[in-house]
C-alpha atoms as a PDB file:
ATOM      1  CA  MET A   1      13.114  11.389 -25.420  1.00  0.00           C
ATOM      2  CA  ARG A   2      13.359   8.171 -23.473  1.00  0.00           C
ATOM      3  CA  SER A   3      15.865   9.719 -21.091  1.00  0.00           C
ATOM      4  CA  HIS A   4      13.302  12.419 -20.287  1.00  0.00           C
ATOM      5  CA  ASP A   5      10.641   9.784 -19.639  1.00  0.00           C
ATOM      6  CA  SER A   6      13.018   7.844 -17.440  1.00  0.00           C
ATOM      7  CA  ALA A   7      13.858  10.958 -15.454  1.00  0.00           C
ATOM      8  CA  HIS A   8      10.168  11.617 -15.072  1.00  0.00           C
ATOM      9  CA  ILE A   9       9.403   8.188 -13.618  1.00  0.00           C
ATOM     10  CA  MET A  10      12.513   8.138 -11.522  1.00  0.00           C
ATOM     11  CA  THR A  11      10.618  10.301  -9.074  1.00  0.00           C
ATOM     12  CA  LYS A  12       8.314   7.386  -8.159  1.00  0.00           C
ATOM     13  CA  GLY A  13      10.707   5.604  -5.819  1.00  0.00           C
ATOM     14  CA  GLY A  14      10.306   7.845  -2.808  1.00  0.00           C
ATOM     15  CA  ILE A  15      13.474   9.766  -3.711  1.00  0.00           C
ATOM     16  CA  ILE A  16      14.532  12.359  -1.092  1.00  0.00           C
ATOM     17  CA  LEU A  17      11.435  11.445   0.878  1.00  0.00           C
ATOM     18  CA  THR A  18      12.808  12.663   4.179  1.00  0.00           C
ATOM     19  CA  PHE A  19      14.102  15.893   2.654  1.00  0.00           C
ATOM     20  CA  VAL A  20      10.735  16.847   1.186  1.00  0.00           C
ATOM     21  CA  ARG A  21       8.783  15.924   4.281  1.00  0.00           C
ATOM     22  CA  ASN A  22      11.080  18.065   6.406  1.00  0.00           C
ATOM     23  CA  ILE A  23      10.439  21.021   4.132  1.00  0.00           C
ATOM     24  CA  LYS A  24       6.692  20.584   4.290  1.00  0.00           C
ATOM     25  CA  THR A  25       6.426  20.160   8.025  1.00  0.00           C
ATOM     26  CA  SER A  26       8.830  22.952   8.864  1.00  0.00           C
ATOM     27  CA  SER A  27       7.398  25.672   6.592  1.00  0.00           C
ATOM     28  CA  LYS A  28       3.856  25.094   5.344  1.00  0.00           C
ATOM     29  CA  ALA A  29       2.300  22.151   7.158  1.00  0.00           C
ATOM     30  CA  ALA A  30       2.960  23.656  10.571  1.00  0.00           C
ATOM     31  CA  ALA A  31       0.871  26.702   9.630  1.00  0.00           C
ATOM     32  CA  LEU A  32      -2.132  24.696   8.414  1.00  0.00           C
ATOM     33  CA  PRO A  33      -5.151  24.471  10.747  1.00  0.00           C
ATOM     34  CA  PRO A  34      -6.106  21.023  12.097  1.00  0.00           C
ATOM     35  CA  GLY A  35      -7.940  18.855   9.588  1.00  0.00           C
ATOM     36  CA  SER A  36      -6.543  20.663   6.550  1.00  0.00           C
ATOM     37  CA  VAL A  37      -5.511  18.664   3.497  1.00  0.00           C
ATOM     38  CA  MET A  38      -2.187  19.249   1.760  1.00  0.00           C
ATOM     39  CA  TYR A  39      -2.668  18.483  -1.920  1.00  0.00           C
ATOM     40  CA  VAL A  40       0.633  16.795  -2.733  1.00  0.00           C
ATOM     41  CA  PHE A  41      -0.484  14.837  -5.795  1.00  0.00           C
ATOM     42  CA  ASP A  42      -1.906  15.916  -9.139  1.00  0.00           C
ATOM     43  CA  ARG A  43      -4.762  13.440  -9.473  1.00  0.00           C
ATOM     44  CA  LYS A  44      -5.524  14.399 -13.098  1.00  0.00           C
ATOM     45  CA  ALA A  45      -1.921  13.737 -14.100  1.00  0.00           C
ATOM     46  CA  LYS A  46      -2.074  10.358 -12.372  1.00  0.00           C
ATOM     47  CA  VAL A  47      -5.179   9.368 -14.364  1.00  0.00           C
ATOM     48  CA  LEU A  48      -3.443  10.284 -17.620  1.00  0.00           C
ATOM     49  CA  GLN A  49      -0.351   8.287 -16.642  1.00  0.00           C
ATOM     50  CA  LYS A  50      -2.443   5.222 -15.836  1.00  0.00           C
ATOM     51  CA  GLU A  51      -4.433   5.545 -19.055  1.00  0.00           C
ATOM     52  CA  ARG A  52      -1.191   5.756 -21.053  1.00  0.00           C
ATOM     53  CA  ALA A  53       0.186   2.676 -19.299  1.00  0.00           C
ATOM     54  CA  ALA A  54      -3.055   0.715 -19.807  1.00  0.00           C
ATOM     55  CA  ARG A  55      -3.054   1.389 -23.554  1.00  0.00           C
ATOM     56  CA  ALA A  56       0.458   0.013 -24.066  1.00  0.00           C
ATOM     57  CA  PRO A  57       0.449  -3.194 -26.178  1.00  0.00           C
ATOM     58  CA  ASP A  58       2.657  -4.974 -23.632  1.00  0.00           C
ATOM     59  CA  VAL A  59       0.918  -3.697 -20.486  1.00  0.00           C
ATOM     60  CA  GLU A  60       0.728  -7.184 -18.953  1.00  0.00           C
ATOM     61  CA  LEU A  61       4.538  -7.359 -18.769  1.00  0.00           C
ATOM     62  CA  PHE A  62       4.572  -4.731 -16.020  1.00  0.00           C
ATOM     63  CA  ASP A  63       1.981  -6.303 -13.708  1.00  0.00           C
ATOM     64  CA  TYR A  64       4.388  -8.593 -11.867  1.00  0.00           C
ATOM     65  CA  VAL A  65       4.722  -6.554  -8.647  1.00  0.00           C
ATOM     66  CA  LYS A  66       1.049  -5.672  -8.336  1.00  0.00           C
ATOM     67  CA  ASP A  67      -0.037  -9.200  -9.282  1.00  0.00           C
ATOM     68  CA  GLU A  68       2.164 -10.688  -6.571  1.00  0.00           C
ATOM     69  CA  VAL A  69       0.864  -8.278  -3.934  1.00  0.00           C
ATOM     70  CA  GLY A  70      -2.709  -8.869  -5.132  1.00  0.00           C
ATOM     71  CA  TYR A  71      -2.243 -12.621  -4.765  1.00  0.00           C
ATOM     72  CA  ARG A  72      -0.921 -12.215  -1.217  1.00  0.00           C
ATOM     73  CA  LEU A  73      -3.780  -9.871  -0.341  1.00  0.00           C
ATOM     74  CA  ALA A  74      -6.370 -12.295  -1.721  1.00  0.00           C
ATOM     75  CA  ASP A  75      -4.800 -15.063   0.340  1.00  0.00           C
ATOM     76  CA  ARG A  76      -5.483 -12.985   3.452  1.00  0.00           C
ATOM     77  CA  VAL A  77      -9.139 -12.771   2.429  1.00  0.00           C
ATOM     78  CA  PHE A  78      -9.292 -16.554   2.397  1.00  0.00           C
ATOM     79  CA  ASP A  79      -7.943 -16.611   5.958  1.00  0.00           C
ATOM     80  CA  ILE A  80     -11.188 -14.995   7.142  1.00  0.00           C
ATOM     81  CA  LYS A  81     -13.681 -17.843   7.428  1.00  0.00           C
ATOM     82  CA  ARG A  82     -16.661 -15.858   6.232  1.00  0.00           C
ATOM     83  CA  LYS A  83     -18.490 -15.269   2.974  1.00  0.00           C
ATOM     84  CA  PHE A  84     -18.767 -11.538   2.266  1.00  0.00           C
ATOM     85  CA  LYS A  85     -21.969 -10.564   0.510  1.00  0.00           C
ATOM     86  CA  LYS A  86     -20.838  -7.235  -0.964  1.00  0.00           C
ATOM     87  CA  VAL A  87     -17.166  -6.274  -1.453  1.00  0.00           C
ATOM     88  CA  LEU A  88     -15.602  -3.078  -2.820  1.00  0.00           C
ATOM     89  CA  ASP A  89     -12.250  -3.308  -4.641  1.00  0.00           C
ATOM     90  CA  LEU A  90     -11.046   0.286  -4.359  1.00  0.00           C
ATOM     91  CA  GLY A  91      -8.484   1.184  -7.019  1.00  0.00           C
ATOM     92  CA  CYS A  92      -8.658  -2.250  -8.633  1.00  0.00           C
ATOM     93  CA  GLY A  93      -6.169  -1.515 -11.432  1.00  0.00           C
ATOM     94  CA  ARG A  94      -6.099  -4.415 -13.885  1.00  0.00           C
ATOM     95  CA  GLY A  95      -7.725  -6.803 -11.414  1.00  0.00           C
ATOM     96  CA  HIS A  96      -4.660  -7.672  -9.360  1.00  0.00           C
ATOM     97  CA  VAL A  97      -6.849  -8.881  -6.464  1.00  0.00           C
ATOM     98  CA  SER A  98     -10.161  -9.614  -8.161  1.00  0.00           C
ATOM     99  CA  LYS A  99      -8.762 -12.317 -10.436  1.00  0.00           C
ATOM    100  CA  HIS A 100      -7.763 -14.327  -7.352  1.00  0.00           C
ATOM    101  CA  LEU A 101     -11.033 -13.995  -5.396  1.00  0.00           C
ATOM    102  CA  LEU A 102     -13.416 -16.966  -5.402  1.00  0.00           C
ATOM    103  CA  ASN A 103     -17.177 -17.167  -4.962  1.00  0.00           C
ATOM    104  CA  GLU A 104     -16.542 -19.175  -1.809  1.00  0.00           C
ATOM    105  CA  SER A 105     -15.513 -15.903  -0.127  1.00  0.00           C
ATOM    106  CA  VAL A 106     -17.256 -13.174  -2.151  1.00  0.00           C
ATOM    107  CA  GLU A 107     -20.808 -13.000  -3.473  1.00  0.00           C
ATOM    108  CA  GLU A 108     -20.896  -9.533  -5.091  1.00  0.00           C
ATOM    109  CA  LEU A 109     -17.851  -7.500  -6.125  1.00  0.00           C
ATOM    110  CA  MET A 110     -17.732  -3.841  -7.148  1.00  0.00           C
ATOM    111  CA  LEU A 111     -14.589  -2.821  -9.049  1.00  0.00           C
ATOM    112  CA  THR A 112     -13.662   0.864  -9.014  1.00  0.00           C
ATOM    113  CA  ASP A 113     -10.734   2.843 -10.407  1.00  0.00           C
ATOM    114  CA  THR A 114      -9.965   6.328 -11.707  1.00  0.00           C
ATOM    115  CA  CYS A 115      -8.695   4.852 -14.979  1.00  0.00           C
ATOM    116  CA  SER A 116     -11.491   3.597 -17.235  1.00  0.00           C
ATOM    117  CA  LYS A 117      -9.143   1.555 -19.433  1.00  0.00           C
ATOM    118  CA  MET A 118      -7.639  -0.345 -16.507  1.00  0.00           C
ATOM    119  CA  LEU A 119     -11.125  -0.887 -15.087  1.00  0.00           C
ATOM    120  CA  GLU A 120     -12.182  -2.377 -18.418  1.00  0.00           C
ATOM    121  CA  GLN A 121      -9.161  -4.718 -18.401  1.00  0.00           C
ATOM    122  CA  ALA A 122      -9.680  -5.953 -14.814  1.00  0.00           C
ATOM    123  CA  LYS A 123     -10.162  -9.717 -14.674  1.00  0.00           C
ATOM    124  CA  THR A 124     -12.534 -11.590 -12.370  1.00  0.00           C
ATOM    125  CA  THR A 125     -13.440 -15.200 -11.648  1.00  0.00           C
ATOM    126  CA  ASP A 126     -16.637 -17.063 -12.459  1.00  0.00           C
ATOM    127  CA  GLY A 127     -19.467 -17.234  -9.950  1.00  0.00           C
ATOM    128  CA  ILE A 128     -19.107 -13.667  -8.620  1.00  0.00           C
ATOM    129  CA  LYS A 129     -21.544 -10.896  -9.540  1.00  0.00           C
ATOM    130  CA  VAL A 130     -19.361  -7.990 -10.764  1.00  0.00           C
ATOM    131  CA  GLU A 131     -20.084  -4.276 -11.192  1.00  0.00           C
ATOM    132  CA  ARG A 132     -17.571  -1.731 -12.557  1.00  0.00           C
ATOM    133  CA  ARG A 133     -17.578   2.007 -11.824  1.00  0.00           C
ATOM    134  CA  VAL A 134     -15.096   4.830 -12.492  1.00  0.00           C
ATOM    135  CA  ILE A 135     -14.658   6.408  -9.043  1.00  0.00           C
ATOM    136  CA  ASP A 136     -11.988   8.537  -7.394  1.00  0.00           C
ATOM    137  CA  GLU A 137     -10.612   7.069  -4.171  1.00  0.00           C
ATOM    138  CA  GLU A 138     -10.839  10.529  -2.609  1.00  0.00           C
ATOM    139  CA  GLU A 139     -14.580  10.783  -3.345  1.00  0.00           C
ATOM    140  CA  LEU A 140     -16.648   7.739  -2.368  1.00  0.00           C
ATOM    141  CA  PRO A 141     -20.283   8.244  -3.482  1.00  0.00           C
ATOM    142  CA  PHE A 142     -21.717   5.401  -1.417  1.00  0.00           C
ATOM    143  CA  ASP A 143     -24.245   5.363   1.386  1.00  0.00           C
ATOM    144  CA  SER A 144     -23.126   4.439   4.871  1.00  0.00           C
ATOM    145  CA  SER A 145     -23.107   0.744   5.809  1.00  0.00           C
ATOM    146  CA  THR A 146     -23.026  -0.455   2.186  1.00  0.00           C
ATOM    147  CA  PHE A 147     -20.164  -2.997   2.066  1.00  0.00           C
ATOM    148  CA  ASP A 148     -19.114  -5.982   4.114  1.00  0.00           C
ATOM    149  CA  MET A 149     -15.505  -5.586   2.999  1.00  0.00           C
ATOM    150  CA  VAL A 150     -13.379  -2.906   1.338  1.00  0.00           C
ATOM    151  CA  ILE A 151     -10.108  -4.037  -0.207  1.00  0.00           C
ATOM    152  CA  SER A 152      -7.420  -1.978  -1.935  1.00  0.00           C
ATOM    153  CA  CYS A 153      -4.180  -3.077  -3.609  1.00  0.00           C
ATOM    154  CA  LEU A 154      -1.376  -0.530  -4.171  1.00  0.00           C
ATOM    155  CA  SER A 155      -3.664   2.402  -4.880  1.00  0.00           C
ATOM    156  CA  LEU A 156      -4.034   4.508  -1.734  1.00  0.00           C
ATOM    157  CA  HIS A 157      -0.463   5.843  -1.803  1.00  0.00           C
ATOM    158  CA  TRP A 158      -1.702   8.389  -4.384  1.00  0.00           C
ATOM    159  CA  VAL A 159      -4.450   9.751  -2.110  1.00  0.00           C
ATOM    160  CA  ASN A 160      -3.882  13.287  -0.800  1.00  0.00           C
ATOM    161  CA  ASP A 161      -6.078  12.947   2.302  1.00  0.00           C
ATOM    162  CA  LEU A 162      -5.299   9.477   3.616  1.00  0.00           C
ATOM    163  CA  PRO A 163      -6.894  10.035   7.071  1.00  0.00           C
ATOM    164  CA  GLY A 164     -10.053  11.296   5.382  1.00  0.00           C
ATOM    165  CA  CYS A 165     -10.054   8.311   3.020  1.00  0.00           C
ATOM    166  CA  PHE A 166      -9.811   5.892   5.962  1.00  0.00           C
ATOM    167  CA  SER A 167     -12.758   7.650   7.639  1.00  0.00           C
ATOM    168  CA  LYS A 168     -14.874   7.474   4.466  1.00  0.00           C
ATOM    169  CA  ILE A 169     -14.134   3.768   4.122  1.00  0.00           C
ATOM    170  CA  MET A 170     -15.170   3.294   7.743  1.00  0.00           C
ATOM    171  CA  ASN A 171     -18.458   5.041   6.958  1.00  0.00           C
ATOM    172  CA  ILE A 172     -19.367   2.840   3.977  1.00  0.00           C
ATOM    173  CA  LEU A 173     -18.546  -0.362   5.861  1.00  0.00           C
ATOM    174  CA  LYS A 174     -21.279  -2.271   7.666  1.00  0.00           C
ATOM    175  CA  ASN A 175     -20.855  -3.009  11.355  1.00  0.00           C
ATOM    176  CA  ASP A 176     -18.291  -5.790  11.773  1.00  0.00           C
ATOM    177  CA  GLY A 177     -17.088  -5.077   8.236  1.00  0.00           C
ATOM    178  CA  VAL A 178     -13.396  -5.307   7.403  1.00  0.00           C
ATOM    179  CA  PHE A 179     -11.010  -2.984   5.587  1.00  0.00           C
ATOM    180  CA  MET A 180      -7.962  -4.663   4.053  1.00  0.00           C
ATOM    181  CA  ALA A 181      -5.311  -2.886   1.990  1.00  0.00           C
ATOM    182  CA  ALA A 182      -1.721  -2.925   0.768  1.00  0.00           C
ATOM    183  CA  ILE A 183       0.310   0.207   0.004  1.00  0.00           C
ATOM    184  CA  PHE A 184       3.918   0.989  -0.808  1.00  0.00           C
ATOM    185  CA  GLY A 185       5.987   1.771   2.285  1.00  0.00           C
ATOM    186  CA  GLY A 186       8.647   4.402   2.844  1.00  0.00           C
ATOM    187  CA  ASP A 187      11.565   2.073   2.050  1.00  0.00           C
ATOM    188  CA  THR A 188      10.312   1.361  -1.465  1.00  0.00           C
ATOM    189  CA  LEU A 189      13.138   1.781  -3.999  1.00  0.00           C
ATOM    190  CA  TYR A 190      15.485   3.200  -1.386  1.00  0.00           C
ATOM    191  CA  GLU A 191      18.429   2.189  -3.608  1.00  0.00           C
ATOM    192  CA  LEU A 192      17.159   4.417  -6.404  1.00  0.00           C
ATOM    193  CA  ARG A 193      16.437   7.210  -3.956  1.00  0.00           C
ATOM    194  CA  SER A 194      19.937   7.369  -2.502  1.00  0.00           C
ATOM    195  CA  SER A 195      21.620   6.961  -5.909  1.00  0.00           C
ATOM    196  CA  LEU A 196      19.741   9.913  -7.364  1.00  0.00           C
ATOM    197  CA  GLN A 197      20.432  12.029  -4.290  1.00  0.00           C
ATOM    198  CA  LEU A 198      24.172  11.487  -4.599  1.00  0.00           C
ATOM    199  CA  ALA A 199      24.143  12.091  -8.357  1.00  0.00           C
ATOM    200  CA  GLU A 200      22.210  15.347  -8.066  1.00  0.00           C
ATOM    201  CA  LEU A 201      24.420  16.609  -5.267  1.00  0.00           C
ATOM    202  CA  GLU A 202      27.512  15.903  -7.315  1.00  0.00           C
ATOM    203  CA  ARG A 203      26.285  17.125 -10.729  1.00  0.00           C
ATOM    204  CA  ASP A 204      23.694  19.785  -9.871  1.00  0.00           C
ATOM    205  CA  GLY A 205      24.830  20.935  -6.446  1.00  0.00           C
ATOM    206  CA  GLY A 206      21.512  20.197  -4.741  1.00  0.00           C
ATOM    207  CA  ILE A 207      18.478  17.944  -4.518  1.00  0.00           C
ATOM    208  CA  SER A 208      15.184  18.614  -6.301  1.00  0.00           C
ATOM    209  CA  PRO A 209      11.750  17.365  -5.137  1.00  0.00           C
ATOM    210  CA  HIS A 210      11.376  14.421  -7.507  1.00  0.00           C
ATOM    211  CA  ILE A 211       9.303  12.229  -5.250  1.00  0.00           C
ATOM    212  CA  SER A 212       5.885  10.987  -4.354  1.00  0.00           C
ATOM    213  CA  PRO A 213       5.984  10.641  -0.565  1.00  0.00           C
ATOM    214  CA  PHE A 214       5.168   7.226   0.904  1.00  0.00           C
ATOM    215  CA  THR A 215       3.566   6.473   4.252  1.00  0.00           C
ATOM    216  CA  GLU A 216       5.694   5.010   7.033  1.00  0.00           C
ATOM    217  CA  ILE A 217       4.461   1.902   8.806  1.00  0.00           C
ATOM    218  CA  ARG A 218       4.586   3.678  12.172  1.00  0.00           C
ATOM    219  CA  ASP A 219       1.909   6.097  10.903  1.00  0.00           C
ATOM    220  CA  ILE A 220      -0.576   3.531   9.592  1.00  0.00           C
ATOM    221  CA  GLY A 221      -1.656   2.252  13.008  1.00  0.00           C
ATOM    222  CA  SER A 222      -2.237   5.792  14.283  1.00  0.00           C
ATOM    223  CA  LEU A 223      -4.267   6.740  11.210  1.00  0.00           C
ATOM    224  CA  MET A 224      -6.468   3.645  11.407  1.00  0.00           C
ATOM    225  CA  THR A 225      -7.028   4.035  15.143  1.00  0.00           C
ATOM    226  CA  ARG A 226      -7.926   7.684  14.593  1.00  0.00           C
ATOM    227  CA  ALA A 227     -10.472   6.618  11.951  1.00  0.00           C
ATOM    228  CA  GLY A 228     -12.125   4.243  14.458  1.00  0.00           C
ATOM    229  CA  TYR A 229     -10.963   0.788  13.356  1.00  0.00           C
ATOM    230  CA  ASN A 230     -10.289  -1.884  15.952  1.00  0.00           C
ATOM    231  CA  MET A 231      -8.613  -5.305  16.040  1.00  0.00           C
ATOM    232  CA  LEU A 232      -5.857  -3.941  13.788  1.00  0.00           C
ATOM    233  CA  THR A 233      -3.291  -6.105  12.025  1.00  0.00           C
ATOM    234  CA  ILE A 234      -0.386  -4.295  10.350  1.00  0.00           C
ATOM    235  CA  ASP A 235       2.755  -5.883   8.937  1.00  0.00           C
ATOM    236  CA  THR A 236       5.310  -5.330   6.197  1.00  0.00           C
ATOM    237  CA  ASP A 237       6.891  -7.403   3.479  1.00  0.00           C
ATOM    238  CA  GLU A 238       9.642  -6.768   0.949  1.00  0.00           C
ATOM    239  CA  ILE A 239       9.863  -7.834  -2.674  1.00  0.00           C
ATOM    240  CA  VAL A 240      13.362  -7.553  -4.158  1.00  0.00           C
ATOM    241  CA  ILE A 241      13.689  -7.708  -7.953  1.00  0.00           C
ATOM    242  CA  GLY A 242      16.872  -7.730 -10.023  1.00  0.00           C
ATOM    243  CA  PHE A 243      17.376  -5.553 -13.113  1.00  0.00           C
ATOM    244  CA  PRO A 244      20.259  -5.305 -15.616  1.00  0.00           C
ATOM    245  CA  SER A 245      20.588  -1.583 -14.905  1.00  0.00           C
ATOM    246  CA  MET A 246      18.760   1.391 -13.470  1.00  0.00           C
ATOM    247  CA  PHE A 247      17.184   2.243 -16.814  1.00  0.00           C
ATOM    248  CA  GLU A 248      15.273  -1.059 -17.060  1.00  0.00           C
ATOM    249  CA  LEU A 249      13.912  -0.370 -13.577  1.00  0.00           C
ATOM    250  CA  LEU A 250      12.762   3.083 -14.645  1.00  0.00           C
ATOM    251  CA  TRP A 251      11.102   1.710 -17.753  1.00  0.00           C
ATOM    252  CA  ASP A 252       9.177  -0.859 -15.720  1.00  0.00           C
ATOM    253  CA  VAL A 253       8.030   1.708 -13.163  1.00  0.00           C
ATOM    254  CA  LYS A 254       6.652   3.767 -16.030  1.00  0.00           C
ATOM    255  CA  GLY A 255       4.946   0.682 -17.466  1.00  0.00           C
ATOM    256  CA  MET A 256       3.225   0.100 -14.121  1.00  0.00           C
ATOM    257  CA  GLY A 257       1.669   3.569 -14.343  1.00  0.00           C
ATOM    258  CA  GLU A 258       3.580   4.624 -11.236  1.00  0.00           C
ATOM    259  CA  ASN A 259       5.171   7.783 -12.675  1.00  0.00           C
ATOM    260  CA  ASN A 260       5.624  10.672 -10.322  1.00  0.00           C
ATOM    261  CA  ALA A 261       2.456  12.746  -9.930  1.00  0.00           C
ATOM    262  CA  SER A 262       3.568  15.311  -7.362  1.00  0.00           C
ATOM    263  CA  ARG A 263       2.148  18.744  -8.065  1.00  0.00           C
ATOM    264  CA  ASN A 264       5.600  20.368  -7.871  1.00  0.00           C
ATOM    265  CA  ARG A 265       7.375  17.629  -9.811  1.00  0.00           C
ATOM    266  CA  LYS A 266      10.394  18.317 -12.013  1.00  0.00           C
ATOM    267  CA  LEU A 267       9.670  17.073 -15.525  1.00  0.00           C
ATOM    268  CA  HIS A 268      13.150  15.893 -16.460  1.00  0.00           C
ATOM    269  CA  LEU A 269      16.722  15.407 -15.297  1.00  0.00           C
ATOM    270  CA  ASN A 270      19.953  16.145 -17.102  1.00  0.00           C
ATOM    271  CA  ARG A 271      21.447  13.255 -19.038  1.00  0.00           C
ATOM    272  CA  ASP A 272      24.688  13.524 -17.070  1.00  0.00           C
ATOM    273  CA  THR A 273      22.780  13.239 -13.789  1.00  0.00           C
ATOM    274  CA  LEU A 274      20.964  10.145 -15.016  1.00  0.00           C
ATOM    275  CA  LEU A 275      24.182   8.445 -16.106  1.00  0.00           C
ATOM    276  CA  ALA A 276      25.847   9.353 -12.828  1.00  0.00           C
ATOM    277  CA  ALA A 277      22.911   7.953 -10.839  1.00  0.00           C
ATOM    278  CA  ALA A 278      23.062   4.694 -12.835  1.00  0.00           C
ATOM    279  CA  ALA A 279      26.800   4.356 -12.127  1.00  0.00           C
ATOM    280  CA  ILE A 280      26.326   5.071  -8.411  1.00  0.00           C
ATOM    281  CA  TYR A 281      23.452   2.578  -8.218  1.00  0.00           C
ATOM    282  CA  SER A 282      25.590  -0.149  -9.779  1.00  0.00           C
ATOM    283  CA  GLN A 283      28.596   0.644  -7.594  1.00  0.00           C
ATOM    284  CA  LEU A 284      26.756   0.837  -4.261  1.00  0.00           C
ATOM    285  CA  TYR A 285      24.129  -1.880  -4.671  1.00  0.00           C
ATOM    286  CA  GLY A 286      25.178  -3.968  -7.673  1.00  0.00           C
ATOM    287  CA  LYS A 287      25.363  -7.754  -7.272  1.00  0.00           C
ATOM    288  CA  VAL A 288      27.280 -10.386  -9.221  1.00  0.00           C
ATOM    289  CA  LYS A 289      25.683 -13.590 -10.469  1.00  0.00           C
ATOM    290  CA  LYS A 290      27.436 -16.943 -10.568  1.00  0.00           C
ATOM    291  CA  ASP A 291      28.113 -16.478 -14.276  1.00  0.00           C
ATOM    292  CA  GLY A 292      29.926 -13.212 -13.557  1.00  0.00           C
ATOM    293  CA  SER A 293      27.241 -10.856 -14.872  1.00  0.00           C
ATOM    294  CA  ARG A 294      26.095  -7.919 -12.746  1.00  0.00           C
ATOM    295  CA  TYR A 295      22.595  -6.799 -11.794  1.00  0.00           C
ATOM    296  CA  ILE A 296      21.022  -4.253  -9.468  1.00  0.00           C
ATOM    297  CA  PRO A 297      18.384  -5.066  -6.819  1.00  0.00           C
ATOM    298  CA  ALA A 298      15.257  -2.940  -6.421  1.00  0.00           C
ATOM    299  CA  THR A 299      13.320  -3.195  -3.148  1.00  0.00           C
ATOM    300  CA  PHE A 300       9.559  -2.730  -2.935  1.00  0.00           C
ATOM    301  CA  GLN A 301       8.333  -2.415   0.653  1.00  0.00           C
ATOM    302  CA  ILE A 302       4.690  -3.387   1.058  1.00  0.00           C
ATOM    303  CA  ILE A 303       2.607  -2.415   4.089  1.00  0.00           C
ATOM    304  CA  TYR A 304      -0.419  -4.637   4.719  1.00  0.00           C
ATOM    305  CA  MET A 305      -3.188  -3.351   6.973  1.00  0.00           C
ATOM    306  CA  LEU A 306      -6.416  -4.834   8.275  1.00  0.00           C
ATOM    307  CA  GLY A 307      -9.018  -3.224  10.524  1.00  0.00           C
ATOM    308  CA  TRP A 308     -12.601  -3.940  11.548  1.00  0.00           C
ATOM    309  CA  LYS A 309     -15.539  -1.602  12.021  1.00  0.00           C
ATOM    310  CA  PRO A 310     -16.647  -1.920  15.667  1.00  0.00           C
ATOM    311  CA  ASP A 311     -19.645  -4.075  16.514  1.00  0.00           C
ATOM    312  CA  LYS A 312     -21.114  -5.502  19.726  1.00  0.00           C
ATOM    313  CA  SER A 313     -20.586  -9.051  18.453  1.00  0.00           C
ATOM    314  CA  GLN A 314     -16.804  -8.624  18.428  1.00  0.00           C
ATOM    315  CA  PRO A 315     -14.627  -9.769  21.352  1.00  0.00           C
ATOM    316  CA  GLN A 316     -14.345  -7.014  23.936  1.00  0.00           C
ATOM    317  CA  PRO A 317     -11.473  -6.409  26.378  1.00  0.00           C
ATOM    318  CA  LEU A 318     -12.141  -6.965  30.069  1.00  0.00           C
ATOM    319  CA  GLN A 319     -12.693  -3.934  32.237  1.00  0.00           C
ATOM    320  CA  ARG A 320      -9.765  -2.559  34.168  1.00  0.00           C
ATOM    321  CA  GLY A 321      -9.329  -4.167  37.554  1.00  0.00           C
ATOM    322  CA  THR A 322     -11.016  -7.471  36.676  1.00  0.00           C
ATOM    323  CA  GLY A 323      -7.747  -9.395  36.303  1.00  0.00           C
ATOM    324  CA  GLU A 324      -7.179 -12.253  38.733  1.00  0.00           C
ATOM    325  CA  VAL A 325      -3.419 -12.700  38.193  1.00  0.00           C
ATOM    326  CA  SER A 326      -0.828  -9.993  38.790  1.00  0.00           C
ATOM    327  CA  LEU A 327       1.966  -9.446  36.297  1.00  0.00           C
ATOM    328  CA  LYS A 328       4.470  -9.754  39.139  1.00  0.00           C
ATOM    329  CA  ASP A 329       3.425 -13.422  39.495  1.00  0.00           C
ATOM    330  CA  LEU A 330       4.277 -14.372  35.908  1.00  0.00           C
ATOM    331  CA  TYR A 331       7.361 -16.251  37.089  1.00  0.00           C
ATOM    332  CA  LYS A 332       5.067 -18.874  38.657  1.00  0.00           C
ATOM    333  CA  LEU A 333       2.648 -19.031  35.701  1.00  0.00           C
ATOM    334  CA  ASP A 334       2.924 -22.832  35.383  1.00  0.00           C
ATOM    335  CA  GLN A 335       1.793 -23.284  38.993  1.00  0.00           C
ATOM    336  CA  ILE A 336      -1.156 -20.915  38.512  1.00  0.00           C
ATOM    337  CA  ILE A 337      -2.317 -22.809  35.422  1.00  0.00           C
ATOM    338  CA  LYS A 338      -2.180 -26.148  37.284  1.00  0.00           C
ATOM    339  CA  GLU A 339      -4.271 -24.759  40.114  1.00  0.00           C
ATOM    340  CA  THR A 340      -6.944 -23.349  37.788  1.00  0.00           C
ATOM    341  CA  LYS A 341      -7.260 -26.720  36.045  1.00  0.00           C
ATOM    342  CA  LYS A 342      -8.128 -28.556  39.284  1.00  0.00           C
ATOM    343  CA  VAL A 343     -11.806 -29.430  38.859  1.00  0.00           C
ATOM    344  CA  PRO A 344     -13.812 -31.610  41.335  1.00  0.00           C
ATOM    345  CA  LEU A 345     -14.372 -35.117  39.967  1.00  0.00           C
ATOM    346  CA  GLY A 346     -17.924 -36.249  39.273  1.00  0.00           C
ATOM    347  CA  ASP A 347     -19.411 -39.557  40.424  1.00  0.00           C
ATOM    348  CA  ASP A 348     -18.714 -41.132  37.048  1.00  0.00           C
ATOM    349  CA  ASP A 349     -15.029 -40.222  37.241  1.00  0.00           C
ATOM    350  CA  LYS A 350     -14.372 -41.684  40.697  1.00  0.00           C
END
């Protein structure tokens, strides 16, 4: 039974991501009219998976990746020298961000998630007024200009209509409000992805769609610009974690509630395919410790994004043609700076 569960969650790592995306864009997506939504994920199945993970007696053991990303995301909140009156934590999970936020930066905090059990378990700090609501990230029942900040930690990669979600977040933000989020990137668990591909090709003669597609970093900027955000900041980070074997990795992914939730997912893999994938993983990516023991690395790529809702108070670019220095004169930039700093001396300076 465990091997079936492991095969089920193996699909989380973005396995055969490129293969599936090529199929979609070449056959179905190309025929869809502009603005249509392709429903890749089964949102009801995802809620059940998260509820099952939240009810495990050792659920806290699997929070290490999301807690680390939540800490790094909260640290970016502290970099903004402003106190936000009303903040929305969209897809809060077990409070991976909220437990690091302080009342010096946040006055009121609304925690939302599709999983009621995780929402109940979410931790917060003293001094912040907290409200909890079970809400789907794809349906935001808030009035426009409600929040000063919207923050999301490793939740939006399960949203079917990501461009629409970005636009809805823009709508509920106040002018000069900020949207800050972290999602899994396309290189997440690439070791697992390639190992399973090779095993399936060798044992089954083909590759099945086991994956939940991840967003590439090159697409995030375009999506946020399309939604109307400005002053964008987008960067990536990688967290590499060692495991004794592929099966411990699979067990942890399941414990995180990150099982595959694709609508056309395959529910299990053959035992021989699993064992072959584990052997390939160890052979291609396995490392050796100083004591001679082996382990496998698992890479989690994190994409961080930040965008602001436009407002007149924000810095604006100069109009075209107002520049006083030509780019062709950059070679003599030091001389130009010296000339601009020449200021007539006053009577007191003579």
